Amino acid sequence: MKLAWLTDIHLNFLRRPERTVFYQAIFDSSSDALLISGDIAEAPSLCDLLIEMTSSVEKPIYFVLGNHDYYRGSVANVRADLMRLLQTTKSLYWLTKSGAQLLAPNVVLVGTDGFADGRYGDYENSLVSLNDSILIRELFQQKLLSKKHLQTKMQELADEDAKQLEHDIQTAINLHKPQKLIILTHVPPFPEVCTYQGNPTDPGYLPYFSSKATGDVLLKAAQNYPSIDFAVLSGHTHSYAQSQILRNLSVTVGVAGYSQPTIQKVINLKND
């Protein structure tokens, strides 16, 4: 089985003819299914573009959401709309809700959106203000109260996702006893892979570009199950990075550009 990994494709930045060219490239690839580690579109267009994409590429799509997928909407409403869509579209798998997916006899896929949680870097003294706290309703409401309220909400969302991921990893191990676990998440789980143009992310930006909650879950799982290979695929920073966090835990962050969606790589489960 071959998997095409995409991240931060931001389909809403493309006109329909441009999207058609991208879909054709995916269709023509040697992949059997797609993995998307978030930032597919924005809230008003997310479901429509997922329908368009799945009908065009004619391959199963396993995905998580990124922060942009909630822009101009709310976390609650986006998730409710997406759940309704999944009830009628069989080839779409939102890993946050679908749980562990057996891809090959010894390979299981899990995933979670993974919000940035403000725990790495210097949140208190950071002067950074991202569109997340303007364009995502729940974050905007908390930012109006105070910066501390915003951080608390970020951590609430991140912790919820991390708890779900921990459950799905354990379920995957109990049910399938895999040799390899592929984990999709949007926000990088470790500072080592938070980079910009090849340089480490500034402490002021790092709180918004990393999720310690997700990283802690991955570290614990990898340490508890040293015979399993944990391979994490994420996005968000738009800058390529790769790090071997533990002997059996690797993280790769994809490179991306607005209006320039691309296939990061095709993963051959027989050889990878």
Protein backbone atom coordinates (compact mmCIF):
# COMPACT_ATOMS: atom_id res chain seq x y z
CA MET A 1 0.00 0.00 0.00
CA LYS A 2 1.25 3.48 -0.90
CA LEU A 3 0.20 6.64 0.95
CA ALA A 4 0.52 10.17 -0.40
CA TRP A 5 1.18 12.60 2.46
CA LEU A 6 -0.12 16.17 2.07
CA THR A 7 -0.07 19.03 4.53
CA ASP A 8 -1.16 22.68 4.64
CA ILE A 9 -2.69 22.53 1.17
CA HIS A 10 -5.01 25.53 1.80
CA LEU A 11 -7.34 24.69 -1.08
CA ASN A 12 -9.38 27.85 -0.50
CA PHE A 13 -6.44 29.89 -1.87
CA LEU A 14 -6.81 28.18 -5.26
CA ARG A 15 -9.30 28.76 -8.05
CA ARG A 16 -11.21 25.72 -9.29
CA PRO A 17 -8.98 25.16 -12.37
CA GLU A 18 -5.89 25.22 -10.13
CA ARG A 19 -7.46 22.75 -7.72
CA THR A 20 -8.33 20.49 -10.64
CA VAL A 21 -4.67 20.38 -11.70
CA PHE A 22 -3.66 19.48 -8.14
CA TYR A 23 -6.31 16.76 -7.89
CA GLN A 24 -5.13 15.28 -11.18
CA ALA A 25 -1.57 15.11 -9.89
CA ILE A 26 -2.81 13.20 -6.85
CA PHE A 27 -4.96 10.92 -9.00
CA ASP A 28 -1.96 10.21 -11.23
CA SER A 29 0.35 9.43 -8.32
CA SER A 30 1.07 5.85 -7.40
CA SER A 31 -0.72 6.24 -4.07
CA ASP A 32 -3.61 4.13 -2.84
CA ALA A 33 -4.76 6.62 -0.19
CA LEU A 34 -4.08 10.13 1.11
CA LEU A 35 -2.86 11.40 4.47
CA ILE A 36 -3.50 15.10 5.20
CA SER A 37 -2.02 16.66 8.33
CA GLY A 38 -4.32 19.67 8.49
CA ASP A 39 -5.01 23.11 7.02
CA ILE A 40 -7.16 21.84 4.18
CA ALA A 41 -9.26 25.00 3.81
CA GLU A 42 -11.23 27.37 6.09
CA ALA A 43 -14.48 26.75 7.94
CA PRO A 44 -16.94 28.16 5.34
CA SER A 45 -15.48 26.05 2.52
CA LEU A 46 -14.04 23.02 4.34
CA CYS A 47 -16.85 20.52 3.78
CA ASP A 48 -17.48 21.57 0.17
CA LEU A 49 -13.79 21.27 -0.69
CA LEU A 50 -13.50 17.89 1.01
CA ILE A 51 -16.43 16.67 -1.11
CA GLU A 52 -14.84 18.12 -4.22
CA MET A 53 -11.47 16.57 -3.41
CA THR A 54 -12.72 13.10 -2.60
CA SER A 55 -14.82 12.93 -5.77
CA SER A 56 -11.82 14.07 -7.84
CA VAL A 57 -8.98 11.94 -6.47
CA GLU A 58 -11.05 8.77 -6.00
CA LYS A 59 -8.90 7.56 -3.12
CA PRO A 60 -9.58 7.21 0.62
CA ILE A 61 -8.60 10.36 2.50
CA TYR A 62 -7.36 10.11 6.10
CA PHE A 63 -7.01 13.54 7.67
CA VAL A 64 -6.82 15.75 10.72
CA LEU A 65 -7.76 19.42 10.91
CA GLY A 66 -5.42 22.38 11.35
CA ASN A 67 -6.02 25.80 12.85
CA HIS A 68 -6.95 27.29 9.45
CA ASP A 69 -9.73 24.74 9.06
CA TYR A 70 -11.50 26.50 11.94
CA TYR A 71 -10.92 30.05 10.61
CA ARG A 72 -14.05 32.20 10.15
CA GLY A 73 -16.00 29.71 12.22
CA SER A 74 -16.01 27.96 15.55
CA VAL A 75 -14.49 24.70 16.71
CA ALA A 76 -17.90 23.41 17.77
CA ASN A 77 -19.65 24.24 14.50
CA VAL A 78 -16.86 22.96 12.24
CA ARG A 79 -16.80 19.67 14.07
CA ALA A 80 -20.58 19.32 13.95
CA ASP A 81 -20.67 20.07 10.21
CA LEU A 82 -17.86 17.61 9.58
CA MET A 83 -19.56 14.84 11.52
CA ARG A 84 -22.68 15.28 9.36
CA LEU A 85 -20.55 15.09 6.22
CA LEU A 86 -18.79 11.91 7.35
CA GLN A 87 -22.13 10.15 7.75
CA THR A 88 -22.70 10.42 3.99
CA THR A 89 -19.15 10.20 2.60
CA LYS A 90 -17.55 6.80 3.07
CA SER A 91 -14.07 7.59 1.72
CA LEU A 92 -13.34 10.35 4.27
CA TYR A 93 -11.74 9.46 7.61
CA TRP A 94 -11.33 12.25 10.16
CA LEU A 95 -8.91 10.50 12.49
CA THR A 96 -9.93 12.57 15.50
CA LYS A 97 -13.26 10.72 15.39
CA SER A 98 -12.67 7.59 13.31
CA GLY A 99 -9.97 6.26 15.62
CA ALA A 100 -7.21 3.80 14.74
CA GLN A 101 -7.07 2.59 11.14
CA LEU A 102 -5.34 -0.64 10.15
CA LEU A 103 -3.50 0.11 6.89
CA ALA A 104 -1.39 -3.06 6.58
CA PRO A 105 -0.92 -6.18 8.72
CA ASN A 106 1.62 -4.47 11.00
CA VAL A 107 0.90 -0.77 10.36
CA VAL A 108 -1.76 1.33 12.09
CA LEU A 109 -2.68 4.98 11.52
CA VAL A 110 -3.93 7.31 14.26
CA GLY A 111 -4.24 11.08 14.43
CA THR A 112 -5.46 14.18 16.16
CA ASP A 113 -5.77 17.86 15.23
CA GLY A 114 -3.42 18.93 18.03
CA PHE A 115 -3.84 22.61 18.88
CA ALA A 116 -0.86 24.76 19.87
CA ASP A 117 -0.85 25.00 23.66
CA GLY A 118 1.51 27.84 24.64
CA ARG A 119 3.62 25.61 26.87
CA TYR A 120 6.89 25.87 24.95
CA GLY A 121 8.67 29.16 24.43
CA ASP A 122 7.86 32.39 26.24
CA TYR A 123 4.10 32.86 26.08
CA GLU A 124 3.91 35.42 28.88
CA ASN A 125 6.32 37.88 27.24
CA SER A 126 5.48 37.11 23.63
CA LEU A 127 4.26 40.03 21.51
CA VAL A 128 2.95 37.67 18.83
CA SER A 129 -0.74 37.75 17.93
CA LEU A 130 -1.87 35.19 15.38
CA ASN A 131 -5.10 35.13 13.38
CA ASP A 132 -6.19 32.10 15.41
CA SER A 133 -7.33 34.38 18.22
CA ILE A 134 -9.20 36.59 15.76
CA LEU A 135 -10.74 34.11 13.32
CA ILE A 136 -11.60 31.15 15.59
CA ARG A 137 -14.61 32.09 17.69
CA GLU A 138 -13.70 30.24 20.89
CA LEU A 139 -10.20 31.71 20.95
CA PHE A 140 -11.40 35.21 20.07
CA GLN A 141 -13.87 35.17 22.93
CA GLN A 142 -11.14 34.28 25.41
CA LYS A 143 -8.65 36.79 24.02
CA LEU A 144 -11.18 39.54 24.68
CA LEU A 145 -11.01 38.62 28.36
CA SER A 146 -7.23 38.42 28.70
CA LYS A 147 -4.08 36.83 27.33
CA LYS A 148 -4.19 34.33 30.20
CA HIS A 149 -7.73 33.33 29.30
CA LEU A 150 -6.57 32.74 25.73
CA GLN A 151 -3.74 30.50 26.88
CA THR A 152 -6.10 28.53 29.10
CA LYS A 153 -8.42 27.90 26.15
CA MET A 154 -5.52 26.90 23.90
CA GLN A 155 -4.42 24.38 26.50
CA GLU A 156 -7.95 23.09 26.98
CA LEU A 157 -8.25 22.34 23.26
CA ALA A 158 -4.75 20.84 23.07
CA ASP A 159 -5.27 18.67 26.14
CA GLU A 160 -8.57 17.38 24.79
CA ASP A 161 -6.88 16.35 21.55
CA ALA A 162 -3.92 14.81 23.39
CA LYS A 163 -6.22 12.74 25.59
CA GLN A 164 -8.03 11.45 22.51
CA LEU A 165 -4.70 10.59 20.85
CA GLU A 166 -3.50 8.72 23.93
CA HIS A 167 -6.69 6.65 23.91
CA ASP A 168 -6.40 5.86 20.20
CA ILE A 169 -2.74 4.86 20.45
CA GLN A 170 -3.49 2.47 23.30
CA THR A 171 -6.49 1.06 21.45
CA ALA A 172 -4.39 0.53 18.32
CA ILE A 173 -1.73 -1.30 20.30
CA ASN A 174 -4.21 -3.47 22.19
CA LEU A 175 -6.22 -4.46 19.11
CA HIS A 176 -3.60 -4.73 16.38
CA LYS A 177 -0.21 -5.12 18.09
CA PRO A 178 1.48 -3.12 15.30
CA GLN A 179 5.16 -2.91 14.48
CA LYS A 180 4.65 0.64 13.19
CA LEU A 181 2.32 3.45 14.20
CA ILE A 182 1.88 6.43 11.87
CA ILE A 183 0.59 9.49 13.71
CA LEU A 184 -0.93 12.46 11.91
CA THR A 185 -1.15 15.75 13.77
CA HIS A 186 -1.15 19.36 12.65
CA VAL A 187 0.94 21.28 15.19
CA PRO A 188 4.51 19.98 15.74
CA PRO A 189 4.79 18.19 19.08
CA PHE A 190 8.41 19.10 19.89
CA PRO A 191 10.51 22.30 19.69
CA GLU A 192 13.19 20.37 17.77
CA VAL A 193 10.97 20.35 14.67
CA CYS A 194 9.58 23.88 15.01
CA THR A 195 11.63 25.80 12.47
CA TYR A 196 11.34 28.75 10.12
CA GLN A 197 13.52 28.84 7.01
CA GLY A 198 15.81 26.28 8.62
CA ASN A 199 16.22 28.13 11.92
CA PRO A 200 14.69 27.31 15.33
CA THR A 201 11.43 29.12 16.01
CA ASP A 202 11.76 32.29 18.08
CA PRO A 203 10.62 31.89 21.75
CA GLY A 204 7.89 34.43 21.10
CA TYR A 205 6.40 32.35 18.27
CA LEU A 206 7.08 28.90 19.71
CA PRO A 207 4.00 28.93 22.02
CA TYR A 208 1.81 29.14 18.91
CA PHE A 209 3.76 26.64 16.81
CA SER A 210 4.06 23.64 19.13
CA SER A 211 1.94 21.33 21.26
CA LYS A 212 3.65 20.00 24.38
CA ALA A 213 0.48 18.09 25.27
CA THR A 214 0.77 16.03 22.09
CA GLY A 215 4.51 15.59 22.55
CA ASP A 216 4.11 14.28 26.09
CA VAL A 217 1.64 11.62 24.92
CA LEU A 218 4.00 10.52 22.15
CA LEU A 219 7.03 10.35 24.44
CA LYS A 220 5.16 8.25 26.98
CA ALA A 221 3.85 5.84 24.36
CA ALA A 222 7.21 5.44 22.63
CA GLN A 223 8.97 4.82 25.96
CA ASN A 224 6.35 2.29 27.06
CA TYR A 225 6.49 0.37 23.77
CA PRO A 226 10.13 0.43 22.58
CA SER A 227 9.53 -2.30 19.97
CA ILE A 228 7.01 -0.15 18.05
CA ASP A 229 8.17 2.41 15.50
CA PHE A 230 6.31 5.71 16.02
CA ALA A 231 6.41 7.93 12.91
CA VAL A 232 4.80 11.36 13.31
CA LEU A 233 3.77 13.53 10.34
CA SER A 234 2.78 17.16 10.99
CA GLY A 235 2.61 20.58 9.39
CA HIS A 236 1.63 24.09 10.52
CA THR A 237 5.04 25.81 10.29
CA HIS A 238 5.31 25.51 6.48
CA SER A 239 9.00 24.67 7.01
CA TYR A 240 10.54 21.24 6.56
CA ALA A 241 12.06 19.65 9.63
CA GLN A 242 12.89 16.14 10.72
CA SER A 243 14.12 14.84 14.05
CA GLN A 244 14.71 11.46 15.69
CA ILE A 245 13.37 12.26 19.14
CA LEU A 246 13.89 8.72 20.46
CA ARG A 247 15.27 5.61 18.85
CA ASN A 248 11.69 4.58 17.96
CA LEU A 249 10.10 8.04 17.66
CA SER A 250 10.63 10.24 14.62
CA VAL A 251 8.85 13.45 13.61
CA THR A 252 8.68 14.99 10.14
CA VAL A 253 7.16 18.40 9.42
CA GLY A 254 6.18 19.19 5.84
CA VAL A 255 7.09 22.25 3.80
CA ALA A 256 4.23 24.30 2.38
CA GLY A 257 3.33 27.55 0.66
CA TYR A 258 0.02 29.29 0.14
CA SER A 259 -1.36 28.61 -3.35
CA GLN A 260 1.34 25.95 -3.82
CA PRO A 261 -0.06 22.62 -2.61
CA THR A 262 2.18 19.64 -3.16
CA ILE A 263 2.60 15.97 -2.34
CA GLN A 264 5.18 15.80 0.44
CA LYS A 265 6.10 12.22 -0.33
CA VAL A 266 4.62 8.83 -1.20
CA ILE A 267 5.10 6.34 1.63
CA ASN A 268 5.45 2.72 0.58
CA LEU A 269 4.39 0.61 3.53
CA LYS A 270 6.29 -2.39 2.19
CA ASN A 271 9.58 -0.52 2.11
CA ASP A 272 9.22 2.35 4.63
